Amino acid sequence: MNYTSEYFNDAPVGQIYSEAAERVTPILEGPESIQIEKILSDAIIRVQDGQDTPESSWDAAMNSLEREIGR
């Protein structure tokens, strides 16, 4: 924690990084995280490519999510 770095003008990087690490909020991922990300990114790509409207693509993504991982 008392480490300094000559590269950073002798800044107390140990203290800076320690304090930053304490404030990190972990991102929790579940078993369906990758599948959810894929469905949502596909929806965005459809809109970006002009293949669908934002509203229609969102509805399709929500239907797909319900079908694939709905409980």
PDB file of N, CA and C in Angstrom:
ATOM      1  N   MET A   1       0.815  -1.190   0.000  1.00  0.00           N
ATOM      2  CA  MET A   1       0.000   0.000   0.000  1.00  0.00           C
ATOM      3  C   MET A   1       0.862   1.259   0.000  1.00  0.00           C
ATOM      4  N   ASN A   2       2.076   1.149   0.440  1.00  0.00           N
ATOM      5  CA  ASN A   2       2.976   2.302   0.478  1.00  0.00           C
ATOM      6  C   ASN A   2       3.856   2.388  -0.759  1.00  0.00           C
ATOM      7  N   TYR A   3       3.569   1.585  -1.772  1.00  0.00           N
ATOM      8  CA  TYR A   3       4.387   1.545  -2.974  1.00  0.00           C
ATOM      9  C   TYR A   3       4.223   2.825  -3.781  1.00  0.00           C
ATOM     10  N   THR A   4       5.338   3.371  -4.220  1.00  0.00           N
ATOM     11  CA  THR A   4       5.318   4.518  -5.120  1.00  0.00           C
ATOM     12  C   THR A   4       5.979   4.107  -6.420  1.00  0.00           C
ATOM     13  N   SER A   5       5.740   4.884  -7.454  1.00  0.00           N
ATOM     14  CA  SER A   5       6.298   4.552  -8.758  1.00  0.00           C
ATOM     15  C   SER A   5       7.048   5.745  -9.322  1.00  0.00           C
ATOM     16  N   GLU A   6       8.319   5.524  -9.608  1.00  0.00           N
ATOM     17  CA  GLU A   6       9.140   6.571 -10.229  1.00  0.00           C
ATOM     18  C   GLU A   6       8.550   6.963 -11.585  1.00  0.00           C
ATOM     19  N   TYR A   7       8.022   5.991 -12.292  1.00  0.00           N
ATOM     20  CA  TYR A   7       7.420   6.246 -13.605  1.00  0.00           C
ATOM     21  C   TYR A   7       6.295   7.278 -13.502  1.00  0.00           C
ATOM     22  N   PHE A   8       5.529   7.247 -12.429  1.00  0.00           N
ATOM     23  CA  PHE A   8       4.426   8.185 -12.224  1.00  0.00           C
ATOM     24  C   PHE A   8       4.829   9.298 -11.251  1.00  0.00           C
ATOM     25  N   ASN A   9       6.053   9.799 -11.380  1.00  0.00           N
ATOM     26  CA  ASN A   9       6.557  10.901 -10.540  1.00  0.00           C
ATOM     27  C   ASN A   9       6.447  10.585  -9.056  1.00  0.00           C
ATOM     28  N   ASP A  10       6.768   9.358  -8.710  1.00  0.00           N
ATOM     29  CA  ASP A  10       6.738   8.899  -7.314  1.00  0.00           C
ATOM     30  C   ASP A  10       5.354   8.997  -6.679  1.00  0.00           C
ATOM     31  N   ALA A  11       4.327   8.873  -7.487  1.00  0.00           N
ATOM     32  CA  ALA A  11       2.958   8.888  -6.972  1.00  0.00           C
ATOM     33  C   ALA A  11       2.736   7.655  -6.103  1.00  0.00           C
ATOM     34  N   PRO A  12       1.889   7.767  -5.097  1.00  0.00           N
ATOM     35  CA  PRO A  12       1.605   6.627  -4.214  1.00  0.00           C
ATOM     36  C   PRO A  12       0.628   5.647  -4.888  1.00  0.00           C
ATOM     37  N   VAL A  13       1.103   4.958  -5.909  1.00  0.00           N
ATOM     38  CA  VAL A  13       0.221   4.081  -6.688  1.00  0.00           C
ATOM     39  C   VAL A  13      -0.338   2.940  -5.855  1.00  0.00           C
ATOM     40  N   GLY A  14       0.382   2.478  -4.876  1.00  0.00           N
ATOM     41  CA  GLY A  14      -0.140   1.434  -3.995  1.00  0.00           C
ATOM     42  C   GLY A  14      -1.405   1.903  -3.293  1.00  0.00           C
ATOM     43  N   GLN A  15      -1.369   3.100  -2.775  1.00  0.00           N
ATOM     44  CA  GLN A  15      -2.537   3.663  -2.090  1.00  0.00           C
ATOM     45  C   GLN A  15      -3.657   3.934  -3.090  1.00  0.00           C
ATOM     46  N   ILE A  16      -3.310   4.515  -4.237  1.00  0.00           N
ATOM     47  CA  ILE A  16      -4.323   4.844  -5.250  1.00  0.00           C
ATOM     48  C   ILE A  16      -5.036   3.582  -5.721  1.00  0.00           C
ATOM     49  N   TYR A  17      -4.272   2.564  -6.076  1.00  0.00           N
ATOM     50  CA  TYR A  17      -4.887   1.327  -6.581  1.00  0.00           C
ATOM     51  C   TYR A  17      -5.646   0.582  -5.487  1.00  0.00           C
ATOM     52  N   SER A  18      -5.133   0.617  -4.253  1.00  0.00           N
ATOM     53  CA  SER A  18      -5.828  -0.053  -3.147  1.00  0.00           C
ATOM     54  C   SER A  18      -7.191   0.576  -2.904  1.00  0.00           C
ATOM     55  N   GLU A  19      -7.235   1.900  -2.893  1.00  0.00           N
ATOM     56  CA  GLU A  19      -8.504   2.589  -2.671  1.00  0.00           C
ATOM     57  C   GLU A  19      -9.468   2.349  -3.831  1.00  0.00           C
ATOM     58  N   ALA A  20      -8.940   2.342  -5.042  1.00  0.00           N
ATOM     59  CA  ALA A  20      -9.791   2.081  -6.204  1.00  0.00           C
ATOM     60  C   ALA A  20     -10.346   0.664  -6.155  1.00  0.00           C
ATOM     61  N   ALA A  21      -9.523  -0.292  -5.763  1.00  0.00           N
ATOM     62  CA  ALA A  21      -9.959  -1.688  -5.701  1.00  0.00           C
ATOM     63  C   ALA A  21     -11.061  -1.883  -4.664  1.00  0.00           C
ATOM     64  N   GLU A  22     -11.002  -1.146  -3.587  1.00  0.00           N
ATOM     65  CA  GLU A  22     -12.035  -1.255  -2.549  1.00  0.00           C
ATOM     66  C   GLU A  22     -13.389  -0.736  -3.029  1.00  0.00           C
ATOM     67  N   ARG A  23     -13.393   0.142  -4.030  1.00  0.00           N
ATOM     68  CA  ARG A  23     -14.639   0.722  -4.534  1.00  0.00           C
ATOM     69  C   ARG A  23     -15.222  -0.039  -5.720  1.00  0.00           C
ATOM     70  N   VAL A  24     -14.545  -1.065  -6.173  1.00  0.00           N
ATOM     71  CA  VAL A  24     -15.032  -1.830  -7.320  1.00  0.00           C
ATOM     72  C   VAL A  24     -16.298  -2.589  -6.935  1.00  0.00           C
ATOM     73  N   THR A  25     -17.303  -2.457  -7.774  1.00  0.00           N
ATOM     74  CA  THR A  25     -18.526  -3.220  -7.589  1.00  0.00           C
ATOM     75  C   THR A  25     -18.469  -4.411  -8.534  1.00  0.00           C
ATOM     76  N   PRO A  26     -18.488  -5.615  -8.006  1.00  0.00           N
ATOM     77  CA  PRO A  26     -18.374  -6.785  -8.892  1.00  0.00           C
ATOM     78  C   PRO A  26     -19.611  -6.926  -9.784  1.00  0.00           C
ATOM     79  N   ILE A  27     -19.375  -7.421 -10.971  1.00  0.00           N
ATOM     80  CA  ILE A  27     -20.455  -7.712 -11.893  1.00  0.00           C
ATOM     81  C   ILE A  27     -20.744  -9.199 -11.783  1.00  0.00           C
ATOM     82  N   LEU A  28     -21.943  -9.504 -11.395  1.00  0.00           N
ATOM     83  CA  LEU A  28     -22.318 -10.897 -11.228  1.00  0.00           C
ATOM     84  C   LEU A  28     -22.904 -11.414 -12.540  1.00  0.00           C
ATOM     85  N   GLU A  29     -22.392 -12.521 -12.982  1.00  0.00           N
ATOM     86  CA  GLU A  29     -22.895 -13.140 -14.195  1.00  0.00           C
ATOM     87  C   GLU A  29     -23.491 -14.489 -13.849  1.00  0.00           C
ATOM     88  N   GLY A  30     -24.603 -14.759 -14.478  1.00  0.00           N
ATOM     89  CA  GLY A  30     -25.270 -16.028 -14.258  1.00  0.00           C
ATOM     90  C   GLY A  30     -25.063 -16.952 -15.443  1.00  0.00           C
ATOM     91  N   PRO A  31     -25.662 -18.126 -15.389  1.00  0.00           N
ATOM     92  CA  PRO A  31     -25.463 -19.114 -16.455  1.00  0.00           C
ATOM     93  C   PRO A  31     -26.011 -18.662 -17.807  1.00  0.00           C
ATOM     94  N   GLU A  32     -26.942 -17.699 -17.811  1.00  0.00           N
ATOM     95  CA  GLU A  32     -27.517 -17.243 -19.081  1.00  0.00           C
ATOM     96  C   GLU A  32     -26.921 -15.926 -19.570  1.00  0.00           C
ATOM     97  N   SER A  33     -25.911 -15.406 -18.899  1.00  0.00           N
ATOM     98  CA  SER A  33     -25.364 -14.090 -19.239  1.00  0.00           C
ATOM     99  C   SER A  33     -24.918 -13.988 -20.694  1.00  0.00           C
ATOM    100  N   ILE A  34     -24.215 -14.992 -21.169  1.00  0.00           N
ATOM    101  CA  ILE A  34     -23.715 -14.959 -22.543  1.00  0.00           C
ATOM    102  C   ILE A  34     -24.874 -14.985 -23.530  1.00  0.00           C
ATOM    103  N   GLN A  35     -25.856 -15.794 -23.267  1.00  0.00           N
ATOM    104  CA  GLN A  35     -27.028 -15.895 -24.136  1.00  0.00           C
ATOM    105  C   GLN A  35     -27.797 -14.574 -24.167  1.00  0.00           C
ATOM    106  N   ILE A  36     -27.962 -13.945 -23.020  1.00  0.00           N
ATOM    107  CA  ILE A  36     -28.650 -12.655 -22.944  1.00  0.00           C
ATOM    108  C   ILE A  36     -27.878 -11.604 -23.737  1.00  0.00           C
ATOM    109  N   GLU A  37     -26.568 -11.563 -23.545  1.00  0.00           N
ATOM    110  CA  GLU A  37     -25.735 -10.604 -24.267  1.00  0.00           C
ATOM    111  C   GLU A  37     -25.851 -10.798 -25.776  1.00  0.00           C
ATOM    112  N   LYS A  38     -25.858 -12.032 -26.233  1.00  0.00           N
ATOM    113  CA  LYS A  38     -25.963 -12.330 -27.661  1.00  0.00           C
ATOM    114  C   LYS A  38     -27.299 -11.850 -28.225  1.00  0.00           C
ATOM    115  N   ILE A  39     -28.386 -12.133 -27.538  1.00  0.00           N
ATOM    116  CA  ILE A  39     -29.715 -11.736 -28.007  1.00  0.00           C
ATOM    117  C   ILE A  39     -29.817 -10.216 -28.096  1.00  0.00           C
ATOM    118  N   LEU A  40     -29.331  -9.520 -27.072  1.00  0.00           N
ATOM    119  CA  LEU A  40     -29.417  -8.065 -27.076  1.00  0.00           C
ATOM    120  C   LEU A  40     -28.480  -7.436 -28.109  1.00  0.00           C
ATOM    121  N   SER A  41     -27.279  -7.977 -28.246  1.00  0.00           N
ATOM    122  CA  SER A  41     -26.369  -7.412 -29.248  1.00  0.00           C
ATOM    123  C   SER A  41     -26.877  -7.665 -30.661  1.00  0.00           C
ATOM    124  N   ASP A  42     -27.507  -8.815 -30.898  1.00  0.00           N
ATOM    125  CA  ASP A  42     -28.112  -9.072 -32.211  1.00  0.00           C
ATOM    126  C   ASP A  42     -29.209  -8.055 -32.509  1.00  0.00           C
ATOM    127  N   ALA A  43     -29.980  -7.680 -31.489  1.00  0.00           N
ATOM    128  CA  ALA A  43     -31.042  -6.690 -31.669  1.00  0.00           C
ATOM    129  C   ALA A  43     -30.447  -5.338 -32.063  1.00  0.00           C
ATOM    130  N   ILE A  44     -29.370  -4.965 -31.425  1.00  0.00           N
ATOM    131  CA  ILE A  44     -28.712  -3.692 -31.745  1.00  0.00           C
ATOM    132  C   ILE A  44     -28.150  -3.722 -33.161  1.00  0.00           C
ATOM    133  N   ILE A  45     -27.526  -4.817 -33.521  1.00  0.00           N
ATOM    134  CA  ILE A  45     -26.943  -4.944 -34.863  1.00  0.00           C
ATOM    135  C   ILE A  45     -28.016  -4.861 -35.941  1.00  0.00           C
ATOM    136  N   ARG A  46     -29.175  -5.466 -35.703  1.00  0.00           N
ATOM    137  CA  ARG A  46     -30.268  -5.389 -36.682  1.00  0.00           C
ATOM    138  C   ARG A  46     -30.667  -3.942 -36.942  1.00  0.00           C
ATOM    139  N   VAL A  47     -30.699  -3.140 -35.898  1.00  0.00           N
ATOM    140  CA  VAL A  47     -31.056  -1.725 -36.045  1.00  0.00           C
ATOM    141  C   VAL A  47     -29.922  -0.973 -36.747  1.00  0.00           C
ATOM    142  N   GLN A  48     -28.694  -1.216 -36.331  1.00  0.00           N
ATOM    143  CA  GLN A  48     -27.545  -0.538 -36.948  1.00  0.00           C
ATOM    144  C   GLN A  48     -27.449  -0.832 -38.438  1.00  0.00           C
ATOM    145  N   ASP A  49     -27.753  -2.060 -38.820  1.00  0.00           N
ATOM    146  CA  ASP A  49     -27.664  -2.466 -40.227  1.00  0.00           C
ATOM    147  C   ASP A  49     -28.891  -2.078 -41.037  1.00  0.00           C
ATOM    148  N   GLY A  50     -29.875  -1.446 -40.386  1.00  0.00           N
ATOM    149  CA  GLY A  50     -31.079  -1.027 -41.079  1.00  0.00           C
ATOM    150  C   GLY A  50     -32.028  -2.169 -41.409  1.00  0.00           C
ATOM    151  N   GLN A  51     -31.858  -3.308 -40.749  1.00  0.00           N
ATOM    152  CA  GLN A  51     -32.708  -4.467 -41.004  1.00  0.00           C
ATOM    153  C   GLN A  51     -34.006  -4.425 -40.201  1.00  0.00           C
ATOM    154  N   ASP A  52     -34.065  -3.559 -39.189  1.00  0.00           N
ATOM    155  CA  ASP A  52     -35.240  -3.524 -38.325  1.00  0.00           C
ATOM    156  C   ASP A  52     -35.317  -2.159 -37.650  1.00  0.00           C
ATOM    157  N   THR A  53     -36.494  -1.826 -37.149  1.00  0.00           N
ATOM    158  CA  THR A  53     -36.663  -0.590 -36.379  1.00  0.00           C
ATOM    159  C   THR A  53     -36.279  -0.871 -34.926  1.00  0.00           C
ATOM    160  N   PRO A  54     -35.933   0.158 -34.171  1.00  0.00           N
ATOM    161  CA  PRO A  54     -35.600  -0.065 -32.762  1.00  0.00           C
ATOM    162  C   PRO A  54     -36.736  -0.751 -31.993  1.00  0.00           C
ATOM    163  N   GLU A  55     -37.947  -0.305 -32.216  1.00  0.00           N
ATOM    164  CA  GLU A  55     -39.084  -0.868 -31.480  1.00  0.00           C
ATOM    165  C   GLU A  55     -39.296  -2.344 -31.826  1.00  0.00           C
ATOM    166  N   SER A  56     -39.266  -2.654 -33.106  1.00  0.00           N
ATOM    167  CA  SER A  56     -39.489  -4.029 -33.548  1.00  0.00           C
ATOM    168  C   SER A  56     -38.353  -4.947 -33.096  1.00  0.00           C
ATOM    169  N   SER A  57     -37.135  -4.450 -33.191  1.00  0.00           N
ATOM    170  CA  SER A  57     -35.981  -5.254 -32.782  1.00  0.00           C
ATOM    171  C   SER A  57     -36.006  -5.512 -31.277  1.00  0.00           C
ATOM    172  N   TRP A  58     -36.408  -4.493 -30.492  1.00  0.00           N
ATOM    173  CA  TRP A  58     -36.525  -4.662 -29.044  1.00  0.00           C
ATOM    174  C   TRP A  58     -37.584  -5.709 -28.714  1.00  0.00           C
ATOM    175  N   ASP A  59     -38.735  -5.604 -29.369  1.00  0.00           N
ATOM    176  CA  ASP A  59     -39.801  -6.581 -29.129  1.00  0.00           C
ATOM    177  C   ASP A  59     -39.343  -7.999 -29.474  1.00  0.00           C
ATOM    178  N   ALA A  60     -38.626  -8.126 -30.591  1.00  0.00           N
ATOM    179  CA  ALA A  60     -38.117  -9.440 -30.994  1.00  0.00           C
ATOM    180  C   ALA A  60     -37.121  -9.966 -29.963  1.00  0.00           C
ATOM    181  N   ALA A  61     -36.271  -9.097 -29.453  1.00  0.00           N
ATOM    182  CA  ALA A  61     -35.289  -9.508 -28.442  1.00  0.00           C
ATOM    183  C   ALA A  61     -35.992  -9.954 -27.164  1.00  0.00           C
ATOM    184  N   MET A  62     -37.010  -9.197 -26.740  1.00  0.00           N
ATOM    185  CA  MET A  62     -37.734  -9.556 -25.523  1.00  0.00           C
ATOM    186  C   MET A  62     -38.470 -10.890 -25.699  1.00  0.00           C
ATOM    187  N   ASN A  63     -39.045 -11.106 -26.869  1.00  0.00           N
ATOM    188  CA  ASN A  63     -39.702 -12.382 -27.145  1.00  0.00           C
ATOM    189  C   ASN A  63     -38.695 -13.526 -27.133  1.00  0.00           C
ATOM    190  N   SER A  64     -37.543 -13.287 -27.726  1.00  0.00           N
ATOM    191  CA  SER A  64     -36.492 -14.304 -27.756  1.00  0.00           C
ATOM    192  C   SER A  64     -35.988 -14.617 -26.356  1.00  0.00           C
ATOM    193  N   LEU A  65     -35.803 -13.578 -25.546  1.00  0.00           N
ATOM    194  CA  LEU A  65     -35.366 -13.790 -24.162  1.00  0.00           C
ATOM    195  C   LEU A  65     -36.404 -14.606 -23.384  1.00  0.00           C
ATOM    196  N   GLU A  66     -37.658 -14.259 -23.554  1.00  0.00           N
ATOM    197  CA  GLU A  66     -38.725 -14.995 -22.865  1.00  0.00           C
ATOM    198  C   GLU A  66     -38.752 -16.455 -23.298  1.00  0.00           C
ATOM    199  N   ARG A  67     -38.593 -16.666 -24.576  1.00  0.00           N
ATOM    200  CA  ARG A  67     -38.625 -18.033 -25.118  1.00  0.00           C
ATOM    201  C   ARG A  67     -37.404 -18.840 -24.676  1.00  0.00           C
ATOM    202  N   GLU A  68     -36.240 -18.213 -24.729  1.00  0.00           N
ATOM    203  CA  GLU A  68     -34.980 -18.910 -24.449  1.00  0.00           C
ATOM    204  C   GLU A  68     -34.705 -19.115 -22.963  1.00  0.00           C
ATOM    205  N   ILE A  69     -34.962 -18.069 -22.161  1.00  0.00           N
ATOM    206  CA  ILE A  69     -34.581 -18.178 -20.740  1.00  0.00           C
ATOM    207  C   ILE A  69     -35.711 -17.824 -19.792  1.00  0.00           C
ATOM    208  N   GLY A  70     -36.879 -17.562 -20.319  1.00  0.00           N
ATOM    209  CA  GLY A  70     -38.022 -17.216 -19.475  1.00  0.00           C
ATOM    210  C   GLY A  70     -38.328 -18.311 -18.478  1.00  0.00           C
ATOM    211  N   ARG A  71     -38.863 -17.889 -17.377  1.00  0.00           N
ATOM    212  CA  ARG A  71     -39.184 -18.881 -16.335  1.00  0.00           C
ATOM    213  C   ARG A  71     -40.628 -18.816 -15.995  1.00  0.00           C
TER     214      ARG A  71
END
